[in-house]
Amino acid sequence: MNHADQPWRHLRKHLRGCSTKIWLSLVLGLALIGLGACSDEPASVVAPDAGPLWAKPTQPVPTDPIVVLHAVDLSQVIVEVAVPPSRPLTQIATEQGLNVVEQLDSHYAVLQGSYSVDALIADPDILAAASNDAVGTEGADLTFGFYEGEWTDTITGSQAATARLGLGAVHSHGTGSGVRVLVADSGVDPTHPALLGHLELLDAQLHGLGSVEPEPQDLSLAPAYGHGTAVTSLVLMAAPDATVLPARILDSTGVGSLYDLVEVVVAALDPALDVDILNFSMSISRPIELIDRAATLLADEGVLVVAAAGNTTNTLLTTPSPLATSPRVIGVAAVDAVDQLAWFSRFSGLTIDVAAPGVGIRCAIPGVGSMGPGYTTGSGTSFAVPLVSGSVASLMEIGGWGPRRAYRKMRAVCDPTSPTNMTQYGRIDPKEAAERVSLSFGGGGLTP
């Protein structure tokens, strides 16, 4: 879509401030990674609709240096600074007995030394603070990750799992052209044919984040390898002409640091990247005020944040991820092909907004060794999230709306799930939403 026809985009750019700075996978069995893990289920690689597994493409593909993720370091603290502060950041740090590791943008900085979070937030120039916590280790306060459920190796073909979304009908009117989706995950395989021509890799020198996921030497030690490729392919399944900006913030075990998570927030705020939707197919294990405030800041800047409710194998532990229930974040649960709540999905009729298909979803998988990229099927709330993000992207093009208005239009026509009180609004129905848009514009509606 021509951006000149999108007044919401120009208004958002005008409102944004100074420039800022700028990051999951399939598993081979059942594994719970971390303390607050988010669930996904992938499968063994299967062939495309016809022919053998794809060979690695010989045509030119995007390249990107592998960026080293920031290590967990409990001596580091990420702070949100008042804009503008009453005194320089170096002075603030010195008075707290800390050193400045990096100023990420006008809002966020990383400090290091011996600190007290309470003492930091008592400073009038520091609005919030959180430790660069351990991730995926015993006793960690903050964890990212996924619960990867059982695999299947059946080719899904017509994608019965997502049939009720009516994506084919939606795409007859809009495919997400002109919409930019930042996928914060494990990075991608940019050589995958399903992704070629739809990616914009991040500039590590500008944003501190990479886009490419390195191939692990030992797959048995990399249970989250390929998660970002899978999630990205599902955004594009729902919005085939959207542009995806993959950001690698998780390693091949499915864990990362708060440092890199905040770098994604900074990237999403960068006017040069012009992000519309931020996709988090991940979870955190505890509420963090710094993240809640970041979600509000992103929403104020016109960025729609969508996050996974998370998954569990314990039916008594269904409390969603605090990332998904953070104010102004769209929390997503998973349902099966007949709108039954997925057995693994966390949920809340009070705090989780919508549901989307997340069981047996066909998605892309990267190549390994001499074996080229192909497809697999997987399940998890991580796979439901990109279907929401992509559906919003397609509706944005159809209606000429910003992301939040497009989401509200889709939210208004959700279908009920079973049980009915597992989310606030129900399972998304982008076809019905697009149908109503078409009729309101004087069209004759959509065809199946």
Protein backbone atom coordinates (compact mmCIF):
# COMPACT_ATOMS: atom_id res chain seq x y z
CA MET A 1 0.00 0.00 0.00
CA ASN A 2 1.21 3.49 -0.78
CA HIS A 3 2.12 5.14 2.50
CA ALA A 4 0.72 8.40 1.13
CA ASP A 5 -2.70 6.80 1.54
CA GLN A 6 -2.08 6.02 5.19
CA PRO A 7 -2.57 9.21 7.27
CA TRP A 8 -2.17 7.18 10.47
CA ARG A 9 1.42 6.41 9.50
CA HIS A 10 2.33 10.07 8.94
CA LEU A 11 0.65 11.12 12.18
CA ARG A 12 2.54 8.47 14.13
CA LYS A 13 5.86 9.48 12.56
CA HIS A 14 5.15 13.10 13.42
CA LEU A 15 4.44 12.24 17.04
CA ARG A 16 7.49 10.07 17.51
CA GLY A 17 10.50 11.64 19.16
CA CYS A 18 14.20 11.49 18.46
CA SER A 19 15.86 8.49 16.93
CA THR A 20 16.37 5.48 19.15
CA LYS A 21 18.36 2.20 18.98
CA ILE A 22 17.32 -1.27 18.03
CA TRP A 23 15.75 -9.49 18.43
CA LEU A 24 12.25 -18.99 19.44
CA SER A 25 12.26 -22.61 17.48
CA LEU A 26 11.20 -26.08 17.13
CA VAL A 27 12.02 -28.88 19.50
CA LEU A 28 12.54 -32.60 19.05
CA GLY A 29 10.43 -33.70 22.03
CA LEU A 30 8.73 -32.49 25.20
CA ALA A 31 10.78 -29.94 27.10
CA LEU A 32 10.02 -27.13 29.47
CA ILE A 33 12.61 -24.41 29.07
CA GLY A 34 12.84 -21.98 31.95
CA LEU A 35 10.43 -21.16 34.72
CA GLY A 36 7.82 -19.17 32.80
CA ALA A 37 8.04 -20.99 29.50
CA CYS A 38 5.71 -20.40 26.61
CA SER A 39 4.51 -23.45 24.73
CA ASP A 40 5.15 -24.59 21.21
CA GLU A 41 5.03 -27.90 19.49
CA PRO A 42 6.94 -28.51 16.27
CA ALA A 43 7.59 -31.63 14.22
CA SER A 44 10.08 -33.40 12.05
CA VAL A 45 10.84 -31.76 8.73
CA VAL A 46 8.43 -32.65 5.97
CA ALA A 47 8.47 -31.95 2.29
CA PRO A 48 6.60 -29.11 0.61
CA ASP A 49 3.41 -29.86 -1.28
CA ALA A 50 5.31 -31.57 -4.09
CA GLY A 51 8.79 -33.00 -4.51
CA PRO A 52 11.60 -33.77 -2.07
CA LEU A 53 12.95 -31.50 0.63
CA TRP A 54 14.09 -28.25 -0.85
CA ALA A 55 17.76 -27.90 -1.56
CA LYS A 56 19.36 -24.78 -0.19
CA PRO A 57 18.74 -21.97 -2.70
CA THR A 58 21.57 -21.01 -5.04
CA GLN A 59 20.10 -17.54 -5.70
CA PRO A 60 21.42 -14.57 -3.71
CA VAL A 61 19.86 -14.34 -0.28
CA PRO A 62 20.08 -11.74 2.50
CA THR A 63 23.20 -11.99 4.61
CA ASP A 64 23.78 -10.77 8.12
CA PRO A 65 26.62 -11.21 10.63
CA ILE A 66 25.75 -13.33 13.63
CA VAL A 67 25.35 -10.94 16.55
CA VAL A 68 26.35 -12.21 19.97
CA LEU A 69 23.48 -11.95 22.45
CA HIS A 70 24.04 -10.09 25.69
CA ALA A 71 24.82 -12.43 28.54
CA VAL A 72 22.84 -12.48 31.73
CA ASP A 73 24.69 -10.30 34.24
CA LEU A 74 23.11 -9.58 37.60
CA SER A 75 25.57 -6.73 38.17
CA GLN A 76 23.78 -4.90 35.35
CA VAL A 77 20.52 -3.01 35.72
CA ILE A 78 18.34 -1.62 32.94
CA VAL A 79 16.79 1.73 33.79
CA GLU A 80 14.16 3.92 32.20
CA VAL A 81 15.31 7.52 32.41
CA ALA A 82 13.11 10.60 32.50
CA VAL A 83 12.96 12.46 29.18
CA PRO A 84 14.57 14.88 29.50
CA PRO A 85 16.48 14.11 32.72
CA SER A 86 17.37 16.93 35.07
CA ARG A 87 21.04 15.89 34.98
CA PRO A 88 23.34 13.87 32.70
CA LEU A 89 23.15 10.07 32.77
CA THR A 90 26.80 9.83 33.83
CA GLN A 91 26.04 11.98 36.86
CA ILE A 92 22.99 9.90 37.74
CA ALA A 93 25.09 6.72 37.53
CA THR A 94 27.98 8.18 39.50
CA GLU A 95 25.72 9.33 42.31
CA GLN A 96 24.37 5.75 42.49
CA GLY A 97 27.92 4.34 42.48
CA LEU A 98 27.41 2.79 39.05
CA ASN A 99 29.03 2.86 35.62
CA VAL A 100 27.20 3.41 32.34
CA VAL A 101 27.44 0.29 30.15
CA GLU A 102 25.34 1.64 27.31
CA GLN A 103 22.73 4.30 26.68
CA LEU A 104 20.28 2.54 24.39
CA ASP A 105 18.25 5.65 23.51
CA SER A 106 16.74 8.65 25.23
CA HIS A 107 14.55 6.38 27.39
CA TYR A 108 16.71 3.39 28.35
CA ALA A 109 20.21 2.74 29.62
CA VAL A 110 22.22 -0.14 31.09
CA LEU A 111 24.18 0.54 34.27
CA GLN A 112 26.57 -1.72 36.18
CA GLY A 113 27.83 -2.07 39.73
CA SER A 114 26.40 -2.71 43.17
CA TYR A 115 22.88 -1.31 43.22
CA SER A 116 19.51 -1.36 44.91
CA VAL A 117 16.46 -1.19 42.64
CA ASP A 118 14.56 0.63 45.38
CA ALA A 119 17.31 3.24 45.63
CA LEU A 120 17.37 3.65 41.87
CA ILE A 121 13.65 4.26 41.47
CA ALA A 122 13.80 6.75 44.34
CA ASP A 123 15.91 8.92 42.04
CA PRO A 124 13.60 11.46 40.35
CA ASP A 125 15.33 10.89 36.99
CA ILE A 126 14.84 7.09 37.04
CA LEU A 127 11.28 6.00 36.25
CA ALA A 128 11.80 2.22 36.46
CA ALA A 129 14.62 -0.28 36.93
CA ALA A 130 15.09 -4.04 36.60
CA SER A 131 18.06 -6.37 36.86
CA ASN A 132 19.48 -7.99 33.75
CA ASP A 133 18.26 -11.22 35.25
CA ALA A 134 19.30 -14.79 34.71
CA VAL A 135 17.23 -16.55 32.07
CA GLY A 136 16.33 -20.20 31.96
CA THR A 137 18.34 -21.17 35.04
CA GLU A 138 17.09 -22.56 38.34
CA GLY A 139 15.82 -19.81 40.60
CA ALA A 140 15.79 -17.12 37.92
CA ASP A 141 13.33 -14.31 38.43
CA LEU A 142 12.96 -13.68 34.71
CA THR A 143 12.77 -16.39 32.10
CA PHE A 144 12.00 -16.54 28.41
CA GLY A 145 11.25 -19.74 26.59
CA PHE A 146 8.76 -22.15 25.20
CA TYR A 147 7.11 -25.33 26.16
CA GLU A 148 7.50 -27.42 23.04
CA GLY A 149 4.75 -29.98 22.80
CA GLU A 150 4.55 -33.24 20.89
CA TRP A 151 5.50 -33.35 17.22
CA THR A 152 3.68 -34.73 14.24
CA ASP A 153 5.19 -35.40 10.83
CA THR A 154 2.08 -35.25 8.67
CA ILE A 155 1.96 -32.74 5.85
CA THR A 156 -0.89 -30.41 6.70
CA GLY A 157 -1.72 -29.54 3.11
CA SER A 158 -4.79 -27.31 3.15
CA GLN A 159 -4.18 -26.17 6.72
CA ALA A 160 -7.43 -27.41 8.22
CA ALA A 161 -6.14 -26.06 11.53
CA THR A 162 -6.61 -22.50 10.32
CA ALA A 163 -9.59 -22.95 7.96
CA ARG A 164 -11.99 -21.00 10.19
CA LEU A 165 -9.90 -17.85 9.77
CA GLY A 166 -10.87 -17.62 6.09
CA LEU A 167 -7.48 -16.19 5.14
CA GLY A 168 -7.96 -16.87 1.43
CA ALA A 169 -11.00 -14.63 1.38
CA VAL A 170 -9.22 -11.98 3.41
CA HIS A 171 -6.32 -11.93 0.95
CA SER A 172 -8.62 -11.18 -1.95
CA HIS A 173 -8.93 -7.71 -0.41
CA GLY A 174 -5.71 -7.21 1.55
CA THR A 175 -2.43 -8.98 2.17
CA GLY A 176 -0.67 -6.67 4.61
CA SER A 177 1.17 -4.69 1.96
CA GLY A 178 2.99 -1.73 3.49
CA VAL A 179 2.72 -3.10 7.04
CA ARG A 180 5.91 -3.74 9.04
CA VAL A 181 6.02 -6.45 11.71
CA LEU A 182 8.96 -6.76 14.11
CA VAL A 183 9.29 -10.39 15.26
CA ALA A 184 11.32 -10.69 18.47
CA ASP A 185 12.42 -14.31 18.56
CA SER A 186 15.39 -16.60 17.88
CA GLY A 187 16.16 -15.04 14.51
CA VAL A 188 15.48 -16.60 11.12
CA ASP A 189 16.95 -18.65 8.32
CA PRO A 190 16.94 -15.93 5.63
CA THR A 191 17.49 -18.53 2.90
CA HIS A 192 14.09 -20.14 3.43
CA PRO A 193 12.01 -19.74 0.23
CA ALA A 194 8.91 -18.96 2.31
CA LEU A 195 10.65 -15.88 3.70
CA LEU A 196 12.64 -14.62 0.70
CA GLY A 197 11.55 -11.20 -0.44
CA HIS A 198 9.63 -10.50 2.77
CA LEU A 199 12.44 -9.81 5.25
CA GLU A 200 14.25 -6.66 6.28
CA LEU A 201 17.27 -7.67 8.33
CA LEU A 202 18.33 -5.41 11.17
CA ASP A 203 21.57 -3.46 11.08
CA ALA A 204 23.54 -4.64 14.09
CA GLN A 205 25.70 -1.52 14.02
CA LEU A 206 22.64 0.69 14.36
CA HIS A 207 20.39 -1.38 16.57
CA GLY A 208 22.63 -3.79 18.46
CA LEU A 209 20.53 -6.70 17.25
CA GLY A 210 20.94 -9.35 14.58
CA SER A 211 18.34 -11.18 12.52
CA VAL A 212 19.99 -14.46 11.50
CA GLU A 213 19.91 -17.53 13.73
CA PRO A 214 23.16 -19.51 13.61
CA GLU A 215 22.89 -23.21 12.89
CA PRO A 216 23.76 -25.13 16.07
CA GLN A 217 26.54 -27.69 16.09
CA ASP A 218 24.50 -30.10 18.20
CA LEU A 219 20.72 -30.09 17.66
CA SER A 220 20.19 -32.10 20.84
CA LEU A 221 21.39 -29.03 22.76
CA ALA A 222 19.30 -26.59 20.73
CA PRO A 223 15.63 -27.29 21.51
CA ALA A 224 14.51 -23.87 20.26
CA TYR A 225 16.38 -23.83 16.95
CA GLY A 226 14.13 -22.61 14.14
CA HIS A 227 11.40 -21.13 16.30
CA GLY A 228 11.83 -17.67 14.83
CA THR A 229 11.67 -19.01 11.28
CA ALA A 230 8.42 -20.81 12.11
CA VAL A 231 6.83 -17.77 13.74
CA THR A 232 7.87 -15.49 10.89
CA SER A 233 6.36 -17.85 8.31
CA LEU A 234 3.03 -17.70 10.14
CA VAL A 235 2.98 -13.91 10.12
CA LEU A 236 3.41 -14.19 6.35
CA MET A 237 0.76 -16.89 6.07
CA ALA A 238 -1.75 -14.39 7.48
CA ALA A 239 -0.26 -11.35 5.71
CA PRO A 240 1.67 -12.55 2.64
CA ASP A 241 2.84 -9.10 1.57
CA ALA A 242 3.83 -7.70 4.95
CA THR A 243 7.46 -6.91 5.69
CA VAL A 244 8.94 -8.80 8.64
CA LEU A 245 11.87 -7.43 10.60
CA PRO A 246 13.30 -10.42 12.51
CA ALA A 247 15.16 -9.60 15.72
CA ARG A 248 17.22 -12.30 17.43
CA ILE A 249 16.93 -12.01 21.20
CA LEU A 250 16.77 -15.71 22.14
CA ASP A 251 19.45 -18.34 21.78
CA SER A 252 18.97 -21.85 20.42
CA THR A 253 17.84 -23.06 23.85
CA GLY A 254 15.02 -20.51 23.80
CA VAL A 255 16.30 -18.15 26.46
CA GLY A 256 17.67 -14.61 26.52
CA SER A 257 18.26 -11.55 28.69
CA LEU A 258 16.27 -8.51 29.69
CA TYR A 259 19.03 -6.43 28.08
CA ASP A 260 18.17 -7.76 24.61
CA LEU A 261 14.43 -7.58 25.24
CA VAL A 262 14.72 -3.87 25.98
CA GLU A 263 16.84 -3.45 22.86
CA VAL A 264 13.85 -4.76 20.88
CA VAL A 265 11.64 -2.15 22.52
CA VAL A 266 14.14 0.51 21.49
CA ALA A 267 14.17 -0.83 17.94
CA ALA A 268 10.37 -0.77 17.76
CA LEU A 269 10.44 2.88 18.82
CA ASP A 270 12.95 3.83 16.11
CA PRO A 271 11.13 6.01 13.54
CA ALA A 272 13.55 4.81 10.87
CA LEU A 273 12.24 1.24 11.23
CA ASP A 274 8.60 2.41 11.19
CA VAL A 275 7.33 -0.64 13.07
CA ASP A 276 3.56 -1.22 13.15
CA ILE A 277 3.31 -4.50 15.11
CA LEU A 278 5.70 -6.11 17.61
CA ASN A 279 5.29 -9.91 17.86
CA PHE A 280 6.41 -11.64 21.06
CA SER A 281 5.96 -15.43 20.81
CA MET A 282 7.54 -15.78 24.23
CA SER A 283 6.86 -15.27 27.90
CA ILE A 284 8.36 -13.91 31.11
CA SER A 285 7.90 -15.39 34.55
CA ARG A 286 7.07 -12.35 36.68
CA PRO A 287 5.62 -8.86 36.28
CA ILE A 288 8.24 -6.20 35.56
CA GLU A 289 7.26 -2.54 35.83
CA LEU A 290 9.92 -1.60 33.30
CA ILE A 291 8.23 -3.84 30.71
CA ASP A 292 4.73 -2.63 31.60
CA ARG A 293 5.87 0.94 31.08
CA ALA A 294 7.57 -0.01 27.82
CA ALA A 295 4.34 -1.54 26.53
CA THR A 296 2.51 1.70 27.28
CA LEU A 297 5.22 3.74 25.57
CA LEU A 298 5.03 1.54 22.48
CA ALA A 299 1.23 1.84 22.37
CA ASP A 300 1.47 5.61 22.70
CA GLU A 301 3.83 5.61 19.71
CA GLY A 302 1.36 3.61 17.62
CA VAL A 303 2.97 0.16 17.89
CA LEU A 304 0.65 -2.80 18.57
CA VAL A 305 2.30 -5.36 20.89
CA VAL A 306 1.05 -8.97 20.67
CA ALA A 307 2.28 -11.67 23.07
CA ALA A 308 1.70 -15.33 23.93
CA ALA A 309 -0.37 -16.35 26.94
CA GLY A 310 2.12 -19.17 27.49
CA ASN A 311 1.70 -22.88 27.95
CA THR A 312 1.72 -25.38 30.72
CA THR A 313 1.45 -29.12 31.26
CA ASN A 314 -0.14 -28.54 34.67
CA THR A 315 -3.88 -27.89 34.36
CA LEU A 316 -3.82 -26.24 37.78
CA LEU A 317 -1.24 -23.66 36.68
CA THR A 318 -3.04 -21.67 34.00
CA THR A 319 -2.01 -18.13 34.99
CA PRO A 320 -0.83 -16.40 31.80
CA SER A 321 2.58 -14.91 31.19
CA PRO A 322 2.91 -11.41 32.68
CA LEU A 323 4.10 -10.23 29.28
CA ALA A 324 0.75 -11.16 27.73
CA THR A 325 -1.23 -9.55 30.57
CA SER A 326 0.85 -6.38 30.64
CA PRO A 327 -1.25 -3.24 30.13
CA ARG A 328 -1.84 -2.43 26.45
CA VAL A 329 -0.38 -5.75 25.23
CA ILE A 330 -2.67 -8.07 23.25
CA GLY A 331 -2.51 -11.44 24.99
CA VAL A 332 -3.20 -14.51 22.83
CA ALA A 333 -4.33 -18.01 23.86
CA ALA A 334 -4.43 -21.03 21.54
CA VAL A 335 -7.39 -23.08 20.28
CA ASP A 336 -7.64 -26.13 18.04
CA ALA A 337 -9.39 -26.42 14.66
CA VAL A 338 -12.86 -26.53 16.28
CA ASP A 339 -12.24 -23.62 18.68
CA GLN A 340 -11.63 -25.79 21.73
CA LEU A 341 -9.07 -24.29 24.08
CA ALA A 342 -5.75 -26.07 23.47
CA TRP A 343 -4.80 -28.42 26.27
CA PHE A 344 -1.48 -26.64 26.81
CA SER A 345 -2.68 -23.03 26.63
CA ARG A 346 -2.67 -20.73 29.60
CA PHE A 347 -5.73 -18.51 29.71
CA SER A 348 -7.70 -15.89 31.58
CA GLY A 349 -11.13 -14.50 30.80
CA LEU A 350 -10.06 -11.28 32.52
CA THR A 351 -6.59 -10.60 31.13
CA ILE A 352 -6.10 -12.58 27.88
CA ASP A 353 -7.70 -10.77 24.98
CA VAL A 354 -8.21 -13.23 22.13
CA ALA A 355 -7.46 -16.74 20.91
CA ALA A 356 -6.17 -18.01 17.57
CA PRO A 357 -5.42 -21.44 16.12
CA GLY A 358 -2.34 -22.95 17.72
CA VAL A 359 -2.63 -26.72 17.28
CA GLY A 360 -1.10 -28.57 14.33
CA ILE A 361 -0.13 -25.42 12.42
CA ARG A 362 2.02 -25.87 9.36
CA CYS A 363 5.06 -23.60 9.40
CA ALA A 364 8.54 -23.18 7.94
CA ILE A 365 11.63 -24.84 9.38
CA PRO A 366 15.25 -23.93 8.58
CA GLY A 367 17.74 -26.17 6.88
CA VAL A 368 20.17 -28.25 8.89
CA GLY A 369 23.53 -29.37 7.49
CA SER A 370 23.11 -30.50 3.90
CA MET A 371 19.34 -30.73 4.28
CA GLY A 372 17.56 -27.73 2.85
CA PRO A 373 14.71 -25.79 4.46
CA GLY A 374 11.24 -27.29 4.54
CA TYR A 375 8.03 -27.32 6.56
CA THR A 376 6.79 -28.86 9.75
CA THR A 377 3.69 -28.78 11.92
CA GLY A 378 3.70 -27.43 15.43
CA SER A 379 1.46 -26.40 18.30
CA GLY A 380 1.71 -23.75 20.97
CA THR A 381 0.57 -20.27 21.90
CA SER A 382 3.72 -19.05 20.20
CA PHE A 383 2.15 -20.13 16.91
CA ALA A 384 -1.19 -18.46 17.66
CA VAL A 385 0.42 -15.06 18.18
CA PRO A 386 1.72 -14.51 14.61
CA LEU A 387 -1.70 -15.40 13.19
CA VAL A 388 -3.11 -12.49 15.18
CA SER A 389 -0.27 -10.18 14.14
CA GLY A 390 -0.60 -11.13 10.48
CA SER A 391 -4.39 -10.87 10.48
CA VAL A 392 -4.17 -7.37 11.91
CA ALA A 393 -1.64 -6.50 9.20
CA SER A 394 -4.00 -7.61 6.42
CA LEU A 395 -6.91 -5.67 7.95
CA MET A 396 -4.71 -2.58 8.18
CA GLU A 397 -4.32 -2.60 4.42
CA ILE A 398 -8.01 -3.32 3.77
CA GLY A 399 -9.27 -0.50 5.98
CA GLY A 400 -6.35 1.93 5.67
CA TRP A 401 -6.15 1.93 9.47
CA GLY A 402 -3.45 1.98 12.06
CA PRO A 403 -2.73 -1.29 13.89
CA ARG A 404 -4.77 -0.64 17.02
CA ARG A 405 -7.90 0.35 15.11
CA ALA A 406 -7.53 -2.68 12.83
CA TYR A 407 -7.21 -4.90 15.91
CA ARG A 408 -10.32 -3.37 17.49
CA LYS A 409 -12.30 -4.04 14.30
CA MET A 410 -11.20 -7.70 14.41
CA ARG A 411 -11.79 -8.00 18.13
CA ALA A 412 -15.39 -6.84 17.70
CA VAL A 413 -16.37 -9.89 15.60
CA CYS A 414 -14.59 -12.72 17.42
CA ASP A 415 -16.19 -16.16 17.53
CA PRO A 416 -16.82 -17.97 20.82
CA THR A 417 -14.43 -20.60 22.06
CA SER A 418 -15.10 -23.61 24.26
CA PRO A 419 -15.09 -22.97 27.15
CA THR A 420 -16.39 -19.47 26.46
CA ASN A 421 -14.75 -17.66 29.36
CA MET A 422 -11.12 -18.45 28.53
CA THR A 423 -10.46 -15.08 26.85
CA GLN A 424 -12.16 -11.71 26.89
CA TYR A 425 -13.34 -11.72 23.27
CA GLY A 426 -12.95 -15.18 21.72
CA ARG A 427 -11.21 -16.58 18.63
CA ILE A 428 -10.29 -14.05 15.97
CA ASP A 429 -12.29 -14.09 12.73
CA PRO A 430 -10.38 -11.95 10.21
CA LYS A 431 -12.70 -13.04 7.36
CA GLU A 432 -15.77 -11.66 9.16
CA ALA A 433 -13.89 -8.48 10.00
CA ALA A 434 -12.81 -8.04 6.38
CA GLU A 435 -16.35 -8.79 5.21
CA ARG A 436 -17.72 -5.97 7.32
CA VAL A 437 -15.04 -3.60 6.08
CA SER A 438 -15.87 -4.44 2.48
CA LEU A 439 -19.59 -3.86 3.04
CA SER A 440 -18.97 -0.58 4.85
CA PHE A 441 -16.95 0.63 1.86
CA GLY A 442 -19.79 -0.20 -0.48
CA GLY A 443 -18.43 -3.53 -1.65
CA GLY A 444 -20.31 -6.74 -2.10
CA GLY A 445 -18.51 -8.62 0.61
CA LEU A 446 -15.98 -11.39 0.30
CA THR A 447 -16.21 -14.75 -1.40
CA PRO A 448 -15.12 -17.96 0.32
